[in-house]
Amino acid sequence: MLNPKENEKLIDDYDYLSNAASARDCTGLIPFLPRSEEELEAYNDVYQFEPPVISAKKSKSDREQ
């Protein structure tokens, strides 16, 4: 079990993943699938709905190989 300080840091680290005020925030922002990468980026400029890309940490077994 994490101590309160470690738990708070863990929660704070994941807060940026969703800047939505609710589960339905900006519903209807994208009425159709984007037809290009540029269109997808334009939607993301209006409202950042995609989580950032996070590289996976290597497990201990991966580092030993």
PDB file of N, CA and C in Angstrom:
ATOM      1  N   MET A   1       0.843  -1.184   0.000  1.00  0.00           N
ATOM      2  CA  MET A   1       0.000   0.000   0.000  1.00  0.00           C
ATOM      3  C   MET A   1       0.886   1.244   0.000  1.00  0.00           C
ATOM      4  N   LEU A   2       0.496   2.235  -0.771  1.00  0.00           N
ATOM      5  CA  LEU A   2       1.269   3.467  -0.854  1.00  0.00           C
ATOM      6  C   LEU A   2       0.981   4.362   0.338  1.00  0.00           C
ATOM      7  N   ASN A   3       2.021   5.080   0.746  1.00  0.00           N
ATOM      8  CA  ASN A   3       1.761   6.065   1.793  1.00  0.00           C
ATOM      9  C   ASN A   3       1.032   7.245   1.153  1.00  0.00           C
ATOM     10  N   PRO A   4       0.409   8.099   1.954  1.00  0.00           N
ATOM     11  CA  PRO A   4      -0.407   9.191   1.380  1.00  0.00           C
ATOM     12  C   PRO A   4       0.347  10.090   0.400  1.00  0.00           C
ATOM     13  N   LYS A   5       1.624  10.404   0.663  1.00  0.00           N
ATOM     14  CA  LYS A   5       2.392  11.267  -0.247  1.00  0.00           C
ATOM     15  C   LYS A   5       2.607  10.589  -1.603  1.00  0.00           C
ATOM     16  N   GLU A   6       2.967   9.296  -1.583  1.00  0.00           N
ATOM     17  CA  GLU A   6       3.170   8.564  -2.837  1.00  0.00           C
ATOM     18  C   GLU A   6       1.863   8.431  -3.606  1.00  0.00           C
ATOM     19  N   ASN A   7       0.777   8.189  -2.891  1.00  0.00           N
ATOM     20  CA  ASN A   7      -0.532   8.068  -3.531  1.00  0.00           C
ATOM     21  C   ASN A   7      -0.941   9.389  -4.177  1.00  0.00           C
ATOM     22  N   GLU A   8      -0.700  10.495  -3.486  1.00  0.00           N
ATOM     23  CA  GLU A   8      -1.043  11.818  -4.034  1.00  0.00           C
ATOM     24  C   GLU A   8      -0.237  12.093  -5.300  1.00  0.00           C
ATOM     25  N   LYS A   9       1.053  11.758  -5.282  1.00  0.00           N
ATOM     26  CA  LYS A   9       1.890  11.965  -6.466  1.00  0.00           C
ATOM     27  C   LYS A   9       1.388  11.117  -7.634  1.00  0.00           C
ATOM     28  N   LEU A  10       1.025   9.865  -7.355  1.00  0.00           N
ATOM     29  CA  LEU A  10       0.506   8.987  -8.404  1.00  0.00           C
ATOM     30  C   LEU A  10      -0.759   9.575  -9.027  1.00  0.00           C
ATOM     31  N   ILE A  11      -1.658  10.057  -8.201  1.00  0.00           N
ATOM     32  CA  ILE A  11      -2.898  10.663  -8.699  1.00  0.00           C
ATOM     33  C   ILE A  11      -2.583  11.913  -9.510  1.00  0.00           C
ATOM     34  N   ASP A  12      -1.692  12.773  -8.999  1.00  0.00           N
ATOM     35  CA  ASP A  12      -1.328  13.995  -9.710  1.00  0.00           C
ATOM     36  C   ASP A  12      -0.682  13.694 -11.057  1.00  0.00           C
ATOM     37  N   ASP A  13       0.111  12.628 -11.124  1.00  0.00           N
ATOM     38  CA  ASP A  13       0.758  12.258 -12.387  1.00  0.00           C
ATOM     39  C   ASP A  13      -0.256  11.895 -13.462  1.00  0.00           C
ATOM     40  N   TYR A  14      -1.415  11.384 -13.096  1.00  0.00           N
ATOM     41  CA  TYR A  14      -2.426  10.976 -14.067  1.00  0.00           C
ATOM     42  C   TYR A  14      -3.504  12.033 -14.303  1.00  0.00           C
ATOM     43  N   ASP A  15      -3.485  13.130 -13.556  1.00  0.00           N
ATOM     44  CA  ASP A  15      -4.503  14.165 -13.719  1.00  0.00           C
ATOM     45  C   ASP A  15      -4.514  14.773 -15.114  1.00  0.00           C
ATOM     46  N   TYR A  16      -3.355  14.873 -15.760  1.00  0.00           N
ATOM     47  CA  TYR A  16      -3.286  15.508 -17.074  1.00  0.00           C
ATOM     48  C   TYR A  16      -3.929  14.662 -18.172  1.00  0.00           C
ATOM     49  N   LEU A  17      -4.191  13.389 -17.888  1.00  0.00           N
ATOM     50  CA  LEU A  17      -4.737  12.519 -18.931  1.00  0.00           C
ATOM     51  C   LEU A  17      -6.140  12.920 -19.358  1.00  0.00           C
ATOM     52  N   SER A  18      -6.864  13.538 -18.476  1.00  0.00           N
ATOM     53  CA  SER A  18      -8.225  13.924 -18.822  1.00  0.00           C
ATOM     54  C   SER A  18      -8.506  15.311 -18.278  1.00  0.00           C
ATOM     55  N   ASN A  19      -8.623  16.274 -19.170  1.00  0.00           N
ATOM     56  CA  ASN A  19      -8.953  17.618 -18.714  1.00  0.00           C
ATOM     57  C   ASN A  19     -10.455  17.862 -18.831  1.00  0.00           C
ATOM     58  N   ALA A  20     -11.225  16.787 -18.861  1.00  0.00           N
ATOM     59  CA  ALA A  20     -12.678  16.890 -18.954  1.00  0.00           C
ATOM     60  C   ALA A  20     -13.278  17.173 -17.585  1.00  0.00           C
ATOM     61  N   ALA A  21     -14.326  17.964 -17.580  1.00  0.00           N
ATOM     62  CA  ALA A  21     -15.030  18.253 -16.335  1.00  0.00           C
ATOM     63  C   ALA A  21     -15.984  17.122 -15.976  1.00  0.00           C
ATOM     64  N   SER A  22     -16.376  16.354 -16.978  1.00  0.00           N
ATOM     65  CA  SER A  22     -17.278  15.228 -16.742  1.00  0.00           C
ATOM     66  C   SER A  22     -17.067  14.201 -17.854  1.00  0.00           C
ATOM     67  N   ALA A  23     -17.714  13.077 -17.722  1.00  0.00           N
ATOM     68  CA  ALA A  23     -17.574  12.030 -18.737  1.00  0.00           C
ATOM     69  C   ALA A  23     -18.164  12.457 -20.073  1.00  0.00           C
ATOM     70  N   ARG A  24     -19.071  13.409 -20.065  1.00  0.00           N
ATOM     71  CA  ARG A  24     -19.749  13.828 -21.297  1.00  0.00           C
ATOM     72  C   ARG A  24     -19.303  15.213 -21.768  1.00  0.00           C
ATOM     73  N   ASP A  25     -18.206  15.686 -21.252  1.00  0.00           N
ATOM     74  CA  ASP A  25     -17.697  17.002 -21.619  1.00  0.00           C
ATOM     75  C   ASP A  25     -17.385  17.040 -23.112  1.00  0.00           C
ATOM     76  N   CYS A  26     -17.851  18.046 -23.799  1.00  0.00           N
ATOM     77  CA  CYS A  26     -17.654  18.245 -25.239  1.00  0.00           C
ATOM     78  C   CYS A  26     -18.262  17.130 -26.082  1.00  0.00           C
ATOM     79  N   THR A  27     -19.338  16.559 -25.638  1.00  0.00           N
ATOM     80  CA  THR A  27     -20.046  15.564 -26.433  1.00  0.00           C
ATOM     81  C   THR A  27     -20.483  16.212 -27.747  1.00  0.00           C
ATOM     82  N   GLY A  28     -20.255  15.535 -28.845  1.00  0.00           N
ATOM     83  CA  GLY A  28     -20.644  16.068 -30.145  1.00  0.00           C
ATOM     84  C   GLY A  28     -19.588  16.928 -30.790  1.00  0.00           C
ATOM     85  N   LEU A  29     -18.422  17.036 -30.172  1.00  0.00           N
ATOM     86  CA  LEU A  29     -17.356  17.846 -30.754  1.00  0.00           C
ATOM     87  C   LEU A  29     -16.959  17.320 -32.129  1.00  0.00           C
ATOM     88  N   ILE A  30     -16.883  16.003 -32.257  1.00  0.00           N
ATOM     89  CA  ILE A  30     -16.487  15.383 -33.520  1.00  0.00           C
ATOM     90  C   ILE A  30     -17.679  14.598 -34.060  1.00  0.00           C
ATOM     91  N   PRO A  31     -18.457  15.213 -34.956  1.00  0.00           N
ATOM     92  CA  PRO A  31     -19.657  14.534 -35.456  1.00  0.00           C
ATOM     93  C   PRO A  31     -19.355  13.363 -36.392  1.00  0.00           C
ATOM     94  N   PHE A  32     -18.196  13.388 -37.044  1.00  0.00           N
ATOM     95  CA  PHE A  32     -17.793  12.324 -37.968  1.00  0.00           C
ATOM     96  C   PHE A  32     -16.326  12.002 -37.722  1.00  0.00           C
ATOM     97  N   LEU A  33     -15.916  10.807 -38.132  1.00  0.00           N
ATOM     98  CA  LEU A  33     -14.504  10.460 -38.003  1.00  0.00           C
ATOM     99  C   LEU A  33     -13.661  11.413 -38.842  1.00  0.00           C
ATOM    100  N   PRO A  34     -12.534  11.869 -38.321  1.00  0.00           N
ATOM    101  CA  PRO A  34     -11.648  12.726 -39.114  1.00  0.00           C
ATOM    102  C   PRO A  34     -11.167  11.983 -40.358  1.00  0.00           C
ATOM    103  N   ARG A  35     -11.092  12.694 -41.479  1.00  0.00           N
ATOM    104  CA  ARG A  35     -10.683  12.076 -42.740  1.00  0.00           C
ATOM    105  C   ARG A  35      -9.179  12.149 -42.974  1.00  0.00           C
ATOM    106  N   SER A  36      -8.485  12.917 -42.140  1.00  0.00           N
ATOM    107  CA  SER A  36      -7.036  13.032 -42.304  1.00  0.00           C
ATOM    108  C   SER A  36      -6.403  13.321 -40.944  1.00  0.00           C
ATOM    109  N   GLU A  37      -5.093  13.180 -40.908  1.00  0.00           N
ATOM    110  CA  GLU A  37      -4.343  13.483 -39.682  1.00  0.00           C
ATOM    111  C   GLU A  37      -4.466  14.974 -39.348  1.00  0.00           C
ATOM    112  N   GLU A  38      -4.494  15.821 -40.379  1.00  0.00           N
ATOM    113  CA  GLU A  38      -4.622  17.262 -40.172  1.00  0.00           C
ATOM    114  C   GLU A  38      -5.964  17.609 -39.522  1.00  0.00           C
ATOM    115  N   GLU A  39      -7.020  16.949 -39.977  1.00  0.00           N
ATOM    116  CA  GLU A  39      -8.344  17.189 -39.403  1.00  0.00           C
ATOM    117  C   GLU A  39      -8.379  16.747 -37.936  1.00  0.00           C
ATOM    118  N   LEU A  40      -7.757  15.619 -37.643  1.00  0.00           N
ATOM    119  CA  LEU A  40      -7.676  15.139 -36.268  1.00  0.00           C
ATOM    120  C   LEU A  40      -6.902  16.130 -35.397  1.00  0.00           C
ATOM    121  N   GLU A  41      -5.803  16.651 -35.912  1.00  0.00           N
ATOM    122  CA  GLU A  41      -5.020  17.646 -35.177  1.00  0.00           C
ATOM    123  C   GLU A  41      -5.820  18.924 -34.951  1.00  0.00           C
ATOM    124  N   ALA A  42      -6.627  19.319 -35.936  1.00  0.00           N
ATOM    125  CA  ALA A  42      -7.453  20.516 -35.790  1.00  0.00           C
ATOM    126  C   ALA A  42      -8.469  20.340 -34.663  1.00  0.00           C
ATOM    127  N   TYR A  43      -9.100  19.169 -34.587  1.00  0.00           N
ATOM    128  CA  TYR A  43     -10.015  18.894 -33.477  1.00  0.00           C
ATOM    129  C   TYR A  43      -9.269  18.948 -32.148  1.00  0.00           C
ATOM    130  N   ASN A  44      -8.071  18.390 -32.128  1.00  0.00           N
ATOM    131  CA  ASN A  44      -7.289  18.365 -30.895  1.00  0.00           C
ATOM    132  C   ASN A  44      -6.840  19.771 -30.495  1.00  0.00           C
ATOM    133  N   ASP A  45      -6.667  20.673 -31.471  1.00  0.00           N
ATOM    134  CA  ASP A  45      -6.333  22.064 -31.156  1.00  0.00           C
ATOM    135  C   ASP A  45      -7.486  22.764 -30.449  1.00  0.00           C
ATOM    136  N   VAL A  46      -8.714  22.438 -30.846  1.00  0.00           N
ATOM    137  CA  VAL A  46      -9.897  23.044 -30.229  1.00  0.00           C
ATOM    138  C   VAL A  46     -10.078  22.532 -28.808  1.00  0.00           C
ATOM    139  N   TYR A  47      -9.921  21.239 -28.643  1.00  0.00           N
ATOM    140  CA  TYR A  47     -10.110  20.627 -27.326  1.00  0.00           C
ATOM    141  C   TYR A  47      -9.255  19.374 -27.254  1.00  0.00           C
ATOM    142  N   GLN A  48      -8.318  19.337 -26.310  1.00  0.00           N
ATOM    143  CA  GLN A  48      -7.414  18.193 -26.212  1.00  0.00           C
ATOM    144  C   GLN A  48      -8.150  17.011 -25.597  1.00  0.00           C
ATOM    145  N   PHE A  49      -8.632  16.130 -26.459  1.00  0.00           N
ATOM    146  CA  PHE A  49      -9.405  14.980 -26.003  1.00  0.00           C
ATOM    147  C   PHE A  49      -8.587  13.698 -26.025  1.00  0.00           C
ATOM    148  N   GLU A  50      -7.485  13.689 -26.767  1.00  0.00           N
ATOM    149  CA  GLU A  50      -6.652  12.495 -26.814  1.00  0.00           C
ATOM    150  C   GLU A  50      -5.633  12.535 -25.687  1.00  0.00           C
ATOM    151  N   PRO A  51      -5.446  11.419 -24.996  1.00  0.00           N
ATOM    152  CA  PRO A  51      -4.411  11.400 -23.962  1.00  0.00           C
ATOM    153  C   PRO A  51      -3.033  11.460 -24.607  1.00  0.00           C
ATOM    154  N   PRO A  52      -2.063  12.034 -23.923  1.00  0.00           N
ATOM    155  CA  PRO A  52      -0.720  12.089 -24.491  1.00  0.00           C
ATOM    156  C   PRO A  52      -0.111  10.695 -24.600  1.00  0.00           C
ATOM    157  N   VAL A  53       0.824  10.539 -25.505  1.00  0.00           N
ATOM    158  CA  VAL A  53       1.501   9.255 -25.680  1.00  0.00           C
ATOM    159  C   VAL A  53       2.537   9.115 -24.570  1.00  0.00           C
ATOM    160  N   ILE A  54       2.477   7.997 -23.872  1.00  0.00           N
ATOM    161  CA  ILE A  54       3.401   7.740 -22.775  1.00  0.00           C
ATOM    162  C   ILE A  54       4.174   6.474 -23.111  1.00  0.00           C
ATOM    163  N   SER A  55       5.484   6.565 -23.044  1.00  0.00           N
ATOM    164  CA  SER A  55       6.273   5.368 -23.329  1.00  0.00           C
ATOM    165  C   SER A  55       6.188   4.419 -22.140  1.00  0.00           C
ATOM    166  N   ALA A  56       6.097   3.148 -22.452  1.00  0.00           N
ATOM    167  CA  ALA A  56       5.980   2.132 -21.408  1.00  0.00           C
ATOM    168  C   ALA A  56       7.319   1.940 -20.718  1.00  0.00           C
ATOM    169  N   LYS A  57       7.263   1.749 -19.409  1.00  0.00           N
ATOM    170  CA  LYS A  57       8.481   1.451 -18.665  1.00  0.00           C
ATOM    171  C   LYS A  57       8.839  -0.004 -18.896  1.00  0.00           C
ATOM    172  N   LYS A  58      10.107  -0.268 -19.018  1.00  0.00           N
ATOM    173  CA  LYS A  58      10.547  -1.644 -19.209  1.00  0.00           C
ATOM    174  C   LYS A  58      10.469  -2.386 -17.883  1.00  0.00           C
ATOM    175  N   SER A  59       9.989  -3.608 -17.945  1.00  0.00           N
ATOM    176  CA  SER A  59       9.935  -4.432 -16.743  1.00  0.00           C
ATOM    177  C   SER A  59      11.331  -4.965 -16.439  1.00  0.00           C
ATOM    178  N   LYS A  60      11.503  -5.496 -15.255  1.00  0.00           N
ATOM    179  CA  LYS A  60      12.801  -6.023 -14.851  1.00  0.00           C
ATOM    180  C   LYS A  60      13.263  -7.127 -15.798  1.00  0.00           C
ATOM    181  N   SER A  61      12.347  -7.989 -16.224  1.00  0.00           N
ATOM    182  CA  SER A  61      12.715  -9.079 -17.135  1.00  0.00           C
ATOM    183  C   SER A  61      13.146  -8.544 -18.502  1.00  0.00           C
ATOM    184  N   ASP A  62      12.558  -7.428 -18.962  1.00  0.00           N
ATOM    185  CA  ASP A  62      12.958  -6.827 -20.241  1.00  0.00           C
ATOM    186  C   ASP A  62      14.370  -6.249 -20.160  1.00  0.00           C
ATOM    187  N   ARG A  63      14.715  -5.663 -19.012  1.00  0.00           N
ATOM    188  CA  ARG A  63      16.040  -5.058 -18.848  1.00  0.00           C
ATOM    189  C   ARG A  63      17.136  -6.113 -18.773  1.00  0.00           C
ATOM    190  N   GLU A  64      16.808  -7.303 -18.275  1.00  0.00           N
ATOM    191  CA  GLU A  64      17.802  -8.359 -18.124  1.00  0.00           C
ATOM    192  C   GLU A  64      18.135  -9.022 -19.450  1.00  0.00           C
ATOM    193  N   GLN A  65      17.313  -8.872 -20.459  1.00  0.00           N
ATOM    194  CA  GLN A  65      17.542  -9.528 -21.754  1.00  0.00           C
ATOM    195  C   GLN A  65      18.537  -8.787 -22.591  1.00  0.00           C
TER     196      GLN A  65
END
